[in-house]
């Protein structure tokens, strides 16, 4: 049962977020950064994207939508790093942060799904089937989309970092300047077959950009 306080919170979030957004319709979806479009052309409303292996990748998925005026929520990621998110292209004025939702993480996520366009969630535990079904149904009903940082049963797309290279180190000395990663997309929303791309995440300037043909010198490979 939804309490009066929960209902008031949801209404307040909806008012702040200005939902529904006129940035993109449910049929066109929400934009992603150009460097990621070969893996995921857009964020489809009602869809769940599972991200594994990189907190930076989760935040990068918010950048295109927030740049275009969509409101985004981030739940359970206190270490997310808003400076890094800003450098990757996120509009911080369009992010609603709930760093420590505690045992109410399901209710918090549900309220945000009704109020904003995209919700990035890191569940504290592997979600039970009933929780998964509830949040997916709510995303579809409200026309929002969910990015799950971690395992999520029945996700439409799964993105994972298969390998990475940090640049800037020479014989163990120097400063890390950028991270070149190979991202693999799998699932129905990835066209039915795995796709992969090399991306700077982040590049030397902190941004996200293609790295397919980059020549990487003095690199240290990270498993």
Protein backbone atom coordinates (compact mmCIF):
# COMPACT_ATOMS: atom_id res chain seq x y z
CA UNK A 1 0.00 0.00 0.00
CA UNK A 2 1.28 3.45 -0.88
CA UNK A 3 1.41 5.76 2.14
CA UNK A 4 0.46 9.42 2.02
CA UNK A 5 4.11 10.37 2.47
CA UNK A 6 5.16 8.17 -0.47
CA UNK A 7 2.44 9.67 -2.65
CA UNK A 8 3.49 13.20 -1.72
CA UNK A 9 7.12 12.35 -2.53
CA UNK A 10 6.16 11.00 -5.94
CA UNK A 11 4.05 14.08 -6.68
CA UNK A 12 6.89 16.37 -5.63
CA UNK A 13 9.35 14.52 -7.86
CA UNK A 14 6.94 14.70 -10.79
CA UNK A 15 6.53 18.44 -10.28
CA UNK A 16 10.28 19.09 -10.11
CA UNK A 17 11.02 16.89 -13.10
CA UNK A 18 8.31 18.41 -15.26
CA UNK A 19 7.30 15.01 -16.61
CA UNK A 20 6.18 14.20 -19.25
CA UNK A 21 9.24 15.41 -21.13
CA UNK A 22 8.94 16.87 -24.60
CA UNK A 23 12.51 15.85 -25.46
CA UNK A 24 11.55 12.60 -27.14
CA UNK A 25 8.39 10.61 -27.58
CA UNK A 26 7.94 7.02 -26.40
CA UNK A 27 8.35 5.82 -29.99
CA UNK A 28 11.67 7.60 -30.60
CA UNK A 29 13.26 7.01 -27.22
CA UNK A 30 15.99 9.05 -25.54
CA UNK A 31 19.40 9.89 -27.05
CA UNK A 32 22.75 8.41 -26.07
CA UNK A 33 26.20 9.85 -26.70
CA UNK A 34 27.46 9.42 -30.30
CA UNK A 35 30.30 7.16 -29.12
CA UNK A 36 27.76 4.66 -27.75
CA UNK A 37 25.22 4.70 -30.57
CA UNK A 38 26.80 1.72 -32.37
CA UNK A 39 26.08 -0.36 -29.27
CA UNK A 40 22.77 1.15 -28.24
CA UNK A 41 21.18 3.57 -30.73
CA UNK A 42 18.87 5.04 -28.10
CA UNK A 43 17.38 4.48 -24.65
CA UNK A 44 13.93 3.09 -25.28
CA UNK A 45 11.21 4.02 -22.86
CA UNK A 46 9.98 1.04 -20.87
CA UNK A 47 13.27 -0.78 -21.47
CA UNK A 48 15.74 -2.12 -18.90
CA UNK A 49 19.47 -1.96 -19.69
CA UNK A 50 21.83 -4.01 -17.52
CA UNK A 51 25.35 -2.64 -17.13
CA UNK A 52 28.20 -4.72 -15.77
CA UNK A 53 31.84 -3.91 -15.19
CA UNK A 54 32.09 -0.11 -15.08
CA UNK A 55 30.40 2.58 -13.01
CA UNK A 56 31.63 5.09 -15.58
CA UNK A 57 29.67 3.32 -18.32
CA UNK A 58 26.45 3.57 -16.29
CA UNK A 59 26.90 7.32 -15.86
CA UNK A 60 27.86 7.76 -19.52
CA UNK A 61 24.45 6.36 -20.51
CA UNK A 62 22.78 9.27 -18.69
CA UNK A 63 24.77 11.93 -20.53
CA UNK A 64 22.91 12.02 -23.83
CA UNK A 65 19.47 12.12 -22.21
CA UNK A 66 20.38 14.78 -19.64
CA UNK A 67 22.07 16.95 -22.29
CA UNK A 68 18.83 16.91 -24.26
CA UNK A 69 16.77 18.10 -21.30
CA UNK A 70 15.57 14.85 -19.73
CA UNK A 71 15.57 14.43 -15.96
CA UNK A 72 17.51 11.45 -14.59
CA UNK A 73 17.62 9.78 -11.17
CA UNK A 74 20.57 7.94 -9.62
CA UNK A 75 19.86 5.54 -6.75
CA UNK A 76 22.42 3.79 -4.54
CA UNK A 77 25.64 5.07 -6.13
CA UNK A 78 27.28 7.42 -3.58
CA UNK A 79 30.69 6.81 -5.17
CA UNK A 80 29.44 7.79 -8.63
CA UNK A 81 31.60 10.91 -8.89
CA UNK A 82 29.65 13.91 -10.14
CA UNK A 83 32.76 15.68 -11.45
CA UNK A 84 33.53 12.70 -13.67
CA UNK A 85 29.87 12.52 -14.73
CA UNK A 86 29.97 16.19 -15.71
CA UNK A 87 33.14 15.71 -17.77
CA UNK A 88 31.48 12.77 -19.55
CA UNK A 89 28.64 15.07 -20.57
CA UNK A 90 25.98 14.72 -17.86
CA UNK A 91 23.98 17.85 -17.07
CA UNK A 92 24.19 17.86 -13.27
CA UNK A 93 21.22 20.22 -13.04
CA UNK A 94 19.14 17.37 -14.48
CA UNK A 95 20.22 14.68 -12.00
CA UNK A 96 18.30 13.70 -8.86
CA UNK A 97 20.57 11.78 -6.46
CA UNK A 98 19.54 9.35 -3.74
CA UNK A 99 22.87 8.07 -2.48
CA UNK A 100 21.69 5.98 0.47
CA UNK A 101 18.09 4.75 0.00
CA UNK A 102 18.56 1.97 2.57
CA UNK A 103 15.81 -0.62 2.80
CA UNK A 104 13.46 1.69 0.87
CA UNK A 105 15.42 1.42 -2.39
CA UNK A 106 12.54 -0.27 -4.21
CA UNK A 107 10.04 2.44 -3.20
CA UNK A 108 12.54 5.21 -4.03
CA UNK A 109 13.19 3.72 -7.46
CA UNK A 110 9.46 3.32 -8.09
CA UNK A 111 8.81 6.97 -7.19
CA UNK A 112 11.58 8.14 -9.52
CA UNK A 113 10.36 5.97 -12.41
CA UNK A 114 7.05 7.83 -12.20
CA UNK A 115 8.76 11.23 -12.08
CA UNK A 116 11.78 11.25 -14.40
CA UNK A 117 12.80 9.85 -17.78
CA UNK A 118 15.77 7.65 -16.80
CA UNK A 119 16.65 5.97 -13.51
CA UNK A 120 20.09 4.51 -12.82
CA UNK A 121 19.87 1.98 -9.99
CA UNK A 122 22.50 -0.05 -8.16
CA UNK A 123 20.50 -2.53 -6.06
CA UNK A 124 22.06 -3.43 -2.71
CA UNK A 125 21.10 -7.08 -3.29
CA UNK A 126 20.13 -9.16 -6.31
CA UNK A 127 16.47 -8.18 -6.92
CA UNK A 128 13.83 -10.83 -6.39
CA UNK A 129 11.55 -11.73 -9.28
CA UNK A 130 8.61 -9.84 -7.81
CA UNK A 131 10.66 -6.65 -7.47
CA UNK A 132 11.95 -6.96 -11.03
CA UNK A 133 8.45 -7.39 -12.42
CA UNK A 134 7.09 -4.47 -10.40
CA UNK A 135 9.77 -2.01 -11.51
CA UNK A 136 9.71 -3.15 -15.15
CA UNK A 137 5.92 -2.82 -15.28
CA UNK A 138 6.16 0.64 -13.72
CA UNK A 139 8.79 1.75 -16.25
CA UNK A 140 6.56 0.61 -19.11
CA UNK A 141 3.47 2.25 -17.66
CA UNK A 142 5.17 5.60 -16.98
CA UNK A 143 7.23 5.68 -20.19
CA UNK A 144 10.54 5.88 -18.35
CA UNK A 145 13.55 3.59 -18.62
CA UNK A 146 15.72 1.81 -16.09
CA UNK A 147 19.50 1.30 -16.13
CA UNK A 148 20.52 -1.44 -13.69
CA UNK A 149 24.12 -1.42 -12.48
CA UNK A 150 24.41 -5.14 -11.84
CA UNK A 151 22.55 -8.33 -12.70
CA UNK A 152 18.92 -7.83 -13.75
CA UNK A 153 16.71 -10.72 -14.80
CA UNK A 154 15.07 -10.28 -18.21
CA UNK A 155 16.89 -7.08 -19.22
CA UNK A 156 16.48 -6.04 -22.84
CA UNK A 157 20.17 -5.22 -23.30
CA UNK A 158 23.30 -6.07 -21.35
CA UNK A 159 26.40 -3.89 -21.65
CA UNK A 160 29.72 -5.06 -20.25
CA UNK A 161 33.32 -3.89 -20.34
CA UNK A 162 35.31 -6.78 -21.76
CA UNK A 163 38.78 -5.22 -21.50
CA UNK A 164 40.39 -1.88 -20.81
CA UNK A 165 43.66 0.01 -21.27
CA UNK A 166 44.81 3.00 -19.22
CA UNK A 167 47.15 5.39 -21.01
CA UNK A 168 49.81 7.61 -19.49
CA UNK A 169 51.98 5.14 -17.63
CA UNK A 170 55.54 4.52 -18.81
CA UNK A 171 57.49 1.79 -17.03
CA UNK A 172 55.32 2.29 -13.97
CA UNK A 173 55.68 6.09 -13.87
CA UNK A 174 53.55 9.02 -15.04
CA UNK A 175 49.89 9.98 -14.71
CA UNK A 176 46.82 8.14 -15.96
CA UNK A 177 45.39 10.22 -18.81
CA UNK A 178 42.61 8.17 -20.31
CA UNK A 179 40.94 4.77 -20.35
CA UNK A 180 40.25 2.92 -23.59
CA UNK A 181 37.64 0.18 -23.11
CA UNK A 182 36.03 -2.49 -25.24
CA UNK A 183 32.29 -2.52 -24.58
CA UNK A 184 30.11 -5.45 -25.65
CA UNK A 185 26.32 -5.19 -26.05
CA UNK A 186 24.13 -8.30 -25.95
CA UNK A 187 20.38 -8.92 -25.94
CA UNK A 188 17.24 -8.21 -27.92
CA UNK A 189 17.82 -4.46 -27.92
CA UNK A 190 21.30 -4.96 -29.40
CA UNK A 191 19.89 -6.35 -32.64
CA UNK A 192 19.86 -9.99 -31.58
CA UNK A 193 23.64 -10.49 -31.81
CA UNK A 194 26.59 -9.20 -29.78
CA UNK A 195 28.10 -5.88 -30.82
CA UNK A 196 31.34 -4.38 -29.60
CA UNK A 197 33.13 -1.03 -29.77
CA UNK A 198 36.28 0.58 -28.40
CA UNK A 199 35.49 3.80 -26.54
CA UNK A 200 37.43 6.34 -24.50
CA UNK A 201 35.79 6.11 -21.04
CA UNK A 202 37.04 8.62 -20.16
CA UNK A 203 39.42 10.21 -22.66
CA UNK A 204 42.33 12.47 -21.68
CA UNK A 205 39.90 15.40 -21.40
CA UNK A 206 37.38 13.38 -19.38
CA UNK A 207 34.89 13.01 -22.23
CA UNK A 208 33.48 9.89 -23.93
CA UNK A 209 34.53 9.42 -27.56
CA UNK A 210 35.18 6.63 -30.11
CA UNK A 211 38.55 4.89 -29.83
CA UNK A 212 38.33 2.29 -32.61
CA UNK A 213 41.42 3.47 -34.52
CA UNK A 214 43.34 5.01 -31.64
CA UNK A 215 47.02 4.21 -31.31
CA UNK A 216 47.71 3.67 -27.62
CA UNK A 217 51.25 4.12 -26.35
CA UNK A 218 52.64 3.39 -22.88
CA UNK A 219 49.48 1.60 -21.81
CA UNK A 220 48.77 -0.60 -18.82
CA UNK A 221 46.16 -3.30 -19.39
CA UNK A 222 43.59 -3.79 -16.66
CA UNK A 223 41.66 -7.01 -16.39
